[in-house]
């Protein structure tokens, strides 16, 4: 009888350790690791070359963010899906606009950041139309939620003012996101 109890005790202890590790990993989650910004810039440039876009226009499939971003899959793959993409912008548009942003906040400051901790501020990674411009070590900006909202709204106003193709579809899609965050 003692042998039977001992046999069950070991698997239960292992199971308890595994469950504890799972919850600890959720507690210490640092957010998504940003994608190499130079890689994103290269993917955009490669797409423009192959699509014959000599005017600096980024992908815009009828204003749909995910369909537009899907055009970059052959050049940078699945990693780009960590980002939300705002179609309708050009490379020469102002740098205070938002071309892409990580879908969730992160503690990382860039893709090769090994100095962050769970105590590092959790912020949104934002890429402007120049992609590699910004205040981050590799480019991009790390902003709080009010600043992200302000810059997305500024981007939507800009698209409407310039009457970019499908600006209304783009605006409707982004407004849903803005309503979902605090």
C-alpha atoms as a PDB file:
ATOM      1  CA  UNK A   1       0.000   0.000   0.000  1.00  0.00           C
ATOM      2  CA  UNK A   2       2.851   2.374   0.845  1.00  0.00           C
ATOM      3  CA  UNK A   3       4.412   1.688  -2.548  1.00  0.00           C
ATOM      4  CA  UNK A   4       1.165   2.659  -4.319  1.00  0.00           C
ATOM      5  CA  UNK A   5       0.940   5.947  -2.386  1.00  0.00           C
ATOM      6  CA  UNK A   6       4.586   6.715  -3.199  1.00  0.00           C
ATOM      7  CA  UNK A   7       3.978   6.100  -6.913  1.00  0.00           C
ATOM      8  CA  UNK A   8       1.109   8.649  -6.932  1.00  0.00           C
ATOM      9  CA  UNK A   9       2.963  11.169  -4.790  1.00  0.00           C
ATOM     10  CA  UNK A  10       5.740  11.779  -7.318  1.00  0.00           C
ATOM     11  CA  UNK A  11       3.435  12.538 -10.305  1.00  0.00           C
ATOM     12  CA  UNK A  12       1.315  14.858  -8.115  1.00  0.00           C
ATOM     13  CA  UNK A  13       4.413  16.797  -7.033  1.00  0.00           C
ATOM     14  CA  UNK A  14       5.567  17.083 -10.655  1.00  0.00           C
ATOM     15  CA  UNK A  15       2.107  18.232 -11.688  1.00  0.00           C
ATOM     16  CA  UNK A  16       2.073  20.850  -8.902  1.00  0.00           C
ATOM     17  CA  UNK A  17       5.459  22.162 -10.050  1.00  0.00           C
ATOM     18  CA  UNK A  18       4.309  22.369 -13.690  1.00  0.00           C
ATOM     19  CA  UNK A  19       1.136  24.228 -12.743  1.00  0.00           C
ATOM     20  CA  UNK A  20       3.152  26.637 -10.566  1.00  0.00           C
ATOM     21  CA  UNK A  21       5.592  27.286 -13.420  1.00  0.00           C
ATOM     22  CA  UNK A  22       2.716  27.989 -15.800  1.00  0.00           C
ATOM     23  CA  UNK A  23       1.163  30.586 -13.487  1.00  0.00           C
ATOM     24  CA  UNK A  24       4.564  32.128 -12.742  1.00  0.00           C
ATOM     25  CA  UNK A  25       5.259  32.513 -16.469  1.00  0.00           C
ATOM     26  CA  UNK A  26       1.883  34.286 -16.908  1.00  0.00           C
ATOM     27  CA  UNK A  27       2.713  36.582 -13.992  1.00  0.00           C
ATOM     28  CA  UNK A  28       6.119  37.478 -15.417  1.00  0.00           C
ATOM     29  CA  UNK A  29       4.914  37.890 -19.031  1.00  0.00           C
ATOM     30  CA  UNK A  30       6.787  40.798 -20.586  1.00  0.00           C
ATOM     31  CA  UNK A  31       4.605  41.341 -23.619  1.00  0.00           C
ATOM     32  CA  UNK A  32       5.465  40.591 -27.214  1.00  0.00           C
ATOM     33  CA  UNK A  33       9.031  41.011 -28.400  1.00  0.00           C
ATOM     34  CA  UNK A  34       9.087  43.672 -31.118  1.00  0.00           C
ATOM     35  CA  UNK A  35      10.137  42.579 -34.590  1.00  0.00           C
ATOM     36  CA  UNK A  36      13.442  43.901 -35.948  1.00  0.00           C
ATOM     37  CA  UNK A  37      12.482  47.307 -37.337  1.00  0.00           C
ATOM     38  CA  UNK A  38      15.186  47.121 -40.010  1.00  0.00           C
ATOM     39  CA  UNK A  39      13.544  43.863 -41.167  1.00  0.00           C
ATOM     40  CA  UNK A  40      10.149  45.575 -41.389  1.00  0.00           C
ATOM     41  CA  UNK A  41      11.687  48.417 -43.420  1.00  0.00           C
ATOM     42  CA  UNK A  42      13.359  45.882 -45.730  1.00  0.00           C
ATOM     43  CA  UNK A  43      10.071  43.976 -46.186  1.00  0.00           C
ATOM     44  CA  UNK A  44       8.232  47.196 -47.084  1.00  0.00           C
ATOM     45  CA  UNK A  45      10.958  48.232 -49.526  1.00  0.00           C
ATOM     46  CA  UNK A  46      11.019  44.791 -51.139  1.00  0.00           C
ATOM     47  CA  UNK A  47       7.226  44.833 -51.509  1.00  0.00           C
ATOM     48  CA  UNK A  48       7.356  48.324 -53.087  1.00  0.00           C
ATOM     49  CA  UNK A  49       9.995  47.194 -55.570  1.00  0.00           C
ATOM     50  CA  UNK A  50       8.110  44.047 -56.547  1.00  0.00           C
ATOM     51  CA  UNK A  51       4.739  45.837 -56.707  1.00  0.00           C
ATOM     52  CA  UNK A  52       6.176  48.661 -58.813  1.00  0.00           C
ATOM     53  CA  UNK A  53       5.322  51.269 -56.172  1.00  0.00           C
ATOM     54  CA  UNK A  54       7.824  53.996 -57.015  1.00  0.00           C
ATOM     55  CA  UNK A  55       5.827  56.706 -55.212  1.00  0.00           C
ATOM     56  CA  UNK A  56       6.451  55.372 -51.673  1.00  0.00           C
ATOM     57  CA  UNK A  57       2.919  54.033 -51.138  1.00  0.00           C
ATOM     58  CA  UNK A  58       2.598  51.243 -48.592  1.00  0.00           C
ATOM     59  CA  UNK A  59       0.169  48.317 -49.129  1.00  0.00           C
ATOM     60  CA  UNK A  60      -3.524  49.213 -49.079  1.00  0.00           C
ATOM     61  CA  UNK A  61      -5.997  46.450 -49.941  1.00  0.00           C
ATOM     62  CA  UNK A  62      -9.316  48.307 -49.857  1.00  0.00           C
ATOM     63  CA  UNK A  63      -8.449  49.822 -46.475  1.00  0.00           C
ATOM     64  CA  UNK A  64      -8.347  46.443 -44.724  1.00  0.00           C
ATOM     65  CA  UNK A  65      -5.466  46.238 -42.269  1.00  0.00           C
ATOM     66  CA  UNK A  66      -4.952  42.465 -42.219  1.00  0.00           C
ATOM     67  CA  UNK A  67      -5.314  42.010 -45.987  1.00  0.00           C
ATOM     68  CA  UNK A  68      -2.846  44.832 -46.579  1.00  0.00           C
ATOM     69  CA  UNK A  69      -0.353  43.419 -44.083  1.00  0.00           C
ATOM     70  CA  UNK A  70      -0.706  39.970 -45.672  1.00  0.00           C
ATOM     71  CA  UNK A  71       1.014  41.343 -48.785  1.00  0.00           C
ATOM     72  CA  UNK A  72       4.225  41.514 -46.735  1.00  0.00           C
ATOM     73  CA  UNK A  73       4.130  37.844 -45.667  1.00  0.00           C
ATOM     74  CA  UNK A  74       6.527  36.699 -48.410  1.00  0.00           C
ATOM     75  CA  UNK A  75       9.119  39.213 -47.208  1.00  0.00           C
ATOM     76  CA  UNK A  76       8.978  39.028 -43.407  1.00  0.00           C
ATOM     77  CA  UNK A  77       6.624  36.182 -42.533  1.00  0.00           C
ATOM     78  CA  UNK A  78       4.482  35.615 -39.481  1.00  0.00           C
ATOM     79  CA  UNK A  79       6.364  37.951 -37.157  1.00  0.00           C
ATOM     80  CA  UNK A  80       4.632  40.999 -38.644  1.00  0.00           C
ATOM     81  CA  UNK A  81       1.283  39.744 -37.319  1.00  0.00           C
ATOM     82  CA  UNK A  82       2.307  40.992 -33.874  1.00  0.00           C
ATOM     83  CA  UNK A  83       1.564  44.439 -35.273  1.00  0.00           C
ATOM     84  CA  UNK A  84      -1.577  46.270 -36.288  1.00  0.00           C
ATOM     85  CA  UNK A  85      -1.086  48.039 -39.602  1.00  0.00           C
ATOM     86  CA  UNK A  86      -2.783  51.260 -40.723  1.00  0.00           C
ATOM     87  CA  UNK A  87      -3.020  51.276 -44.522  1.00  0.00           C
ATOM     88  CA  UNK A  88      -3.144  54.439 -46.606  1.00  0.00           C
ATOM     89  CA  UNK A  89       0.144  56.070 -45.687  1.00  0.00           C
ATOM     90  CA  UNK A  90       3.195  56.840 -47.809  1.00  0.00           C
ATOM     91  CA  UNK A  91       6.868  56.843 -46.898  1.00  0.00           C
ATOM     92  CA  UNK A  92       6.993  60.659 -47.097  1.00  0.00           C
ATOM     93  CA  UNK A  93       4.081  61.294 -44.696  1.00  0.00           C
ATOM     94  CA  UNK A  94       4.814  63.048 -41.365  1.00  0.00           C
ATOM     95  CA  UNK A  95       6.627  61.071 -38.668  1.00  0.00           C
ATOM     96  CA  UNK A  96       4.062  61.847 -35.975  1.00  0.00           C
ATOM     97  CA  UNK A  97       1.605  59.511 -37.739  1.00  0.00           C
ATOM     98  CA  UNK A  98       1.225  55.783 -37.021  1.00  0.00           C
ATOM     99  CA  UNK A  99       1.975  53.207 -39.709  1.00  0.00           C
ATOM    100  CA  UNK A 100       2.115  50.190 -37.360  1.00  0.00           C
ATOM    101  CA  UNK A 101       1.891  49.442 -33.647  1.00  0.00           C
ATOM    102  CA  UNK A 102       2.282  46.338 -31.527  1.00  0.00           C
ATOM    103  CA  UNK A 103      -1.147  44.905 -30.763  1.00  0.00           C
ATOM    104  CA  UNK A 104      -0.388  44.760 -27.042  1.00  0.00           C
ATOM    105  CA  UNK A 105       1.899  46.662 -24.699  1.00  0.00           C
ATOM    106  CA  UNK A 106       5.430  45.432 -24.155  1.00  0.00           C
ATOM    107  CA  UNK A 107       8.257  45.833 -21.636  1.00  0.00           C
ATOM    108  CA  UNK A 108      10.845  45.515 -24.428  1.00  0.00           C
ATOM    109  CA  UNK A 109      12.437  48.649 -25.917  1.00  0.00           C
ATOM    110  CA  UNK A 110      13.499  46.878 -29.123  1.00  0.00           C
ATOM    111  CA  UNK A 111      13.875  43.353 -30.475  1.00  0.00           C
ATOM    112  CA  UNK A 112      17.317  42.735 -28.936  1.00  0.00           C
ATOM    113  CA  UNK A 113      16.501  44.213 -25.526  1.00  0.00           C
ATOM    114  CA  UNK A 114      17.875  42.020 -22.748  1.00  0.00           C
ATOM    115  CA  UNK A 115      17.934  44.710 -20.039  1.00  0.00           C
ATOM    116  CA  UNK A 116      14.182  44.887 -19.385  1.00  0.00           C
ATOM    117  CA  UNK A 117      12.445  43.400 -16.372  1.00  0.00           C
ATOM    118  CA  UNK A 118       8.859  42.996 -15.221  1.00  0.00           C
ATOM    119  CA  UNK A 119       9.381  46.381 -13.551  1.00  0.00           C
ATOM    120  CA  UNK A 120      10.210  48.128 -16.846  1.00  0.00           C
ATOM    121  CA  UNK A 121       7.337  50.304 -18.042  1.00  0.00           C
ATOM    122  CA  UNK A 122       4.798  48.568 -20.261  1.00  0.00           C
ATOM    123  CA  UNK A 123       4.232  50.688 -23.379  1.00  0.00           C
ATOM    124  CA  UNK A 124       3.027  50.537 -26.978  1.00  0.00           C
ATOM    125  CA  UNK A 125       5.641  50.189 -29.749  1.00  0.00           C
ATOM    126  CA  UNK A 126       4.700  52.570 -32.585  1.00  0.00           C
ATOM    127  CA  UNK A 127       6.287  52.838 -36.042  1.00  0.00           C
ATOM    128  CA  UNK A 128       5.972  55.967 -38.148  1.00  0.00           C
ATOM    129  CA  UNK A 129       5.851  56.064 -41.981  1.00  0.00           C
ATOM    130  CA  UNK A 130       9.652  56.261 -42.180  1.00  0.00           C
ATOM    131  CA  UNK A 131       9.586  52.998 -40.168  1.00  0.00           C
ATOM    132  CA  UNK A 132      13.097  53.250 -38.715  1.00  0.00           C
ATOM    133  CA  UNK A 133      12.690  56.814 -37.438  1.00  0.00           C
ATOM    134  CA  UNK A 134      11.852  57.430 -33.811  1.00  0.00           C
ATOM    135  CA  UNK A 135      13.365  57.577 -30.351  1.00  0.00           C
ATOM    136  CA  UNK A 136      13.936  53.852 -29.787  1.00  0.00           C
ATOM    137  CA  UNK A 137      17.391  52.235 -30.051  1.00  0.00           C
ATOM    138  CA  UNK A 138      16.534  50.872 -33.491  1.00  0.00           C
ATOM    139  CA  UNK A 139      13.713  53.279 -34.317  1.00  0.00           C
ATOM    140  CA  UNK A 140      10.068  53.387 -33.403  1.00  0.00           C
ATOM    141  CA  UNK A 141       8.610  55.068 -30.355  1.00  0.00           C
ATOM    142  CA  UNK A 142       7.436  53.652 -27.037  1.00  0.00           C
ATOM    143  CA  UNK A 143       4.315  55.511 -25.955  1.00  0.00           C
ATOM    144  CA  UNK A 144       1.630  55.331 -23.296  1.00  0.00           C
ATOM    145  CA  UNK A 145      -2.029  54.669 -24.123  1.00  0.00           C
ATOM    146  CA  UNK A 146      -3.176  58.334 -24.330  1.00  0.00           C
ATOM    147  CA  UNK A 147      -0.328  59.115 -26.740  1.00  0.00           C
ATOM    148  CA  UNK A 148      -1.119  56.052 -28.877  1.00  0.00           C
ATOM    149  CA  UNK A 149      -4.753  57.137 -29.099  1.00  0.00           C
ATOM    150  CA  UNK A 150      -3.749  60.710 -29.955  1.00  0.00           C
ATOM    151  CA  UNK A 151      -1.399  59.601 -32.725  1.00  0.00           C
ATOM    152  CA  UNK A 152      -3.877  57.120 -34.238  1.00  0.00           C
ATOM    153  CA  UNK A 153      -6.569  59.827 -34.291  1.00  0.00           C
ATOM    154  CA  UNK A 154      -4.075  62.229 -35.886  1.00  0.00           C
ATOM    155  CA  UNK A 155      -3.316  59.574 -38.518  1.00  0.00           C
ATOM    156  CA  UNK A 156      -7.010  59.043 -39.275  1.00  0.00           C
ATOM    157  CA  UNK A 157      -7.584  62.810 -39.586  1.00  0.00           C
ATOM    158  CA  UNK A 158      -4.609  63.024 -41.958  1.00  0.00           C
ATOM    159  CA  UNK A 159      -5.912  60.198 -44.148  1.00  0.00           C
ATOM    160  CA  UNK A 160      -9.309  61.919 -44.351  1.00  0.00           C
ATOM    161  CA  UNK A 161      -7.801  65.342 -45.067  1.00  0.00           C
ATOM    162  CA  UNK A 162      -5.643  63.933 -47.876  1.00  0.00           C
ATOM    163  CA  UNK A 163      -8.598  61.834 -49.140  1.00  0.00           C
ATOM    164  CA  UNK A 164      -6.475  58.686 -49.226  1.00  0.00           C
ATOM    165  CA  UNK A 165      -8.151  55.642 -50.798  1.00  0.00           C
ATOM    166  CA  UNK A 166     -10.505  53.825 -48.399  1.00  0.00           C
ATOM    167  CA  UNK A 167      -9.841  56.279 -45.563  1.00  0.00           C
ATOM    168  CA  UNK A 168     -13.320  55.666 -44.145  1.00  0.00           C
ATOM    169  CA  UNK A 169     -12.821  51.886 -43.965  1.00  0.00           C
ATOM    170  CA  UNK A 170      -9.446  52.435 -42.302  1.00  0.00           C
ATOM    171  CA  UNK A 171     -10.972  54.867 -39.816  1.00  0.00           C
ATOM    172  CA  UNK A 172     -13.835  52.532 -38.877  1.00  0.00           C
ATOM    173  CA  UNK A 173     -11.433  49.643 -38.258  1.00  0.00           C
ATOM    174  CA  UNK A 174      -9.093  51.703 -36.085  1.00  0.00           C
ATOM    175  CA  UNK A 175     -11.927  53.310 -34.094  1.00  0.00           C
ATOM    176  CA  UNK A 176     -12.992  49.833 -32.962  1.00  0.00           C
ATOM    177  CA  UNK A 177      -9.514  49.291 -31.573  1.00  0.00           C
ATOM    178  CA  UNK A 178      -9.430  52.712 -29.884  1.00  0.00           C
ATOM    179  CA  UNK A 179     -12.700  51.962 -28.111  1.00  0.00           C
ATOM    180  CA  UNK A 180     -11.297  48.656 -26.839  1.00  0.00           C
ATOM    181  CA  UNK A 181      -8.281  50.086 -24.967  1.00  0.00           C
ATOM    182  CA  UNK A 182      -8.141  52.157 -21.786  1.00  0.00           C
END
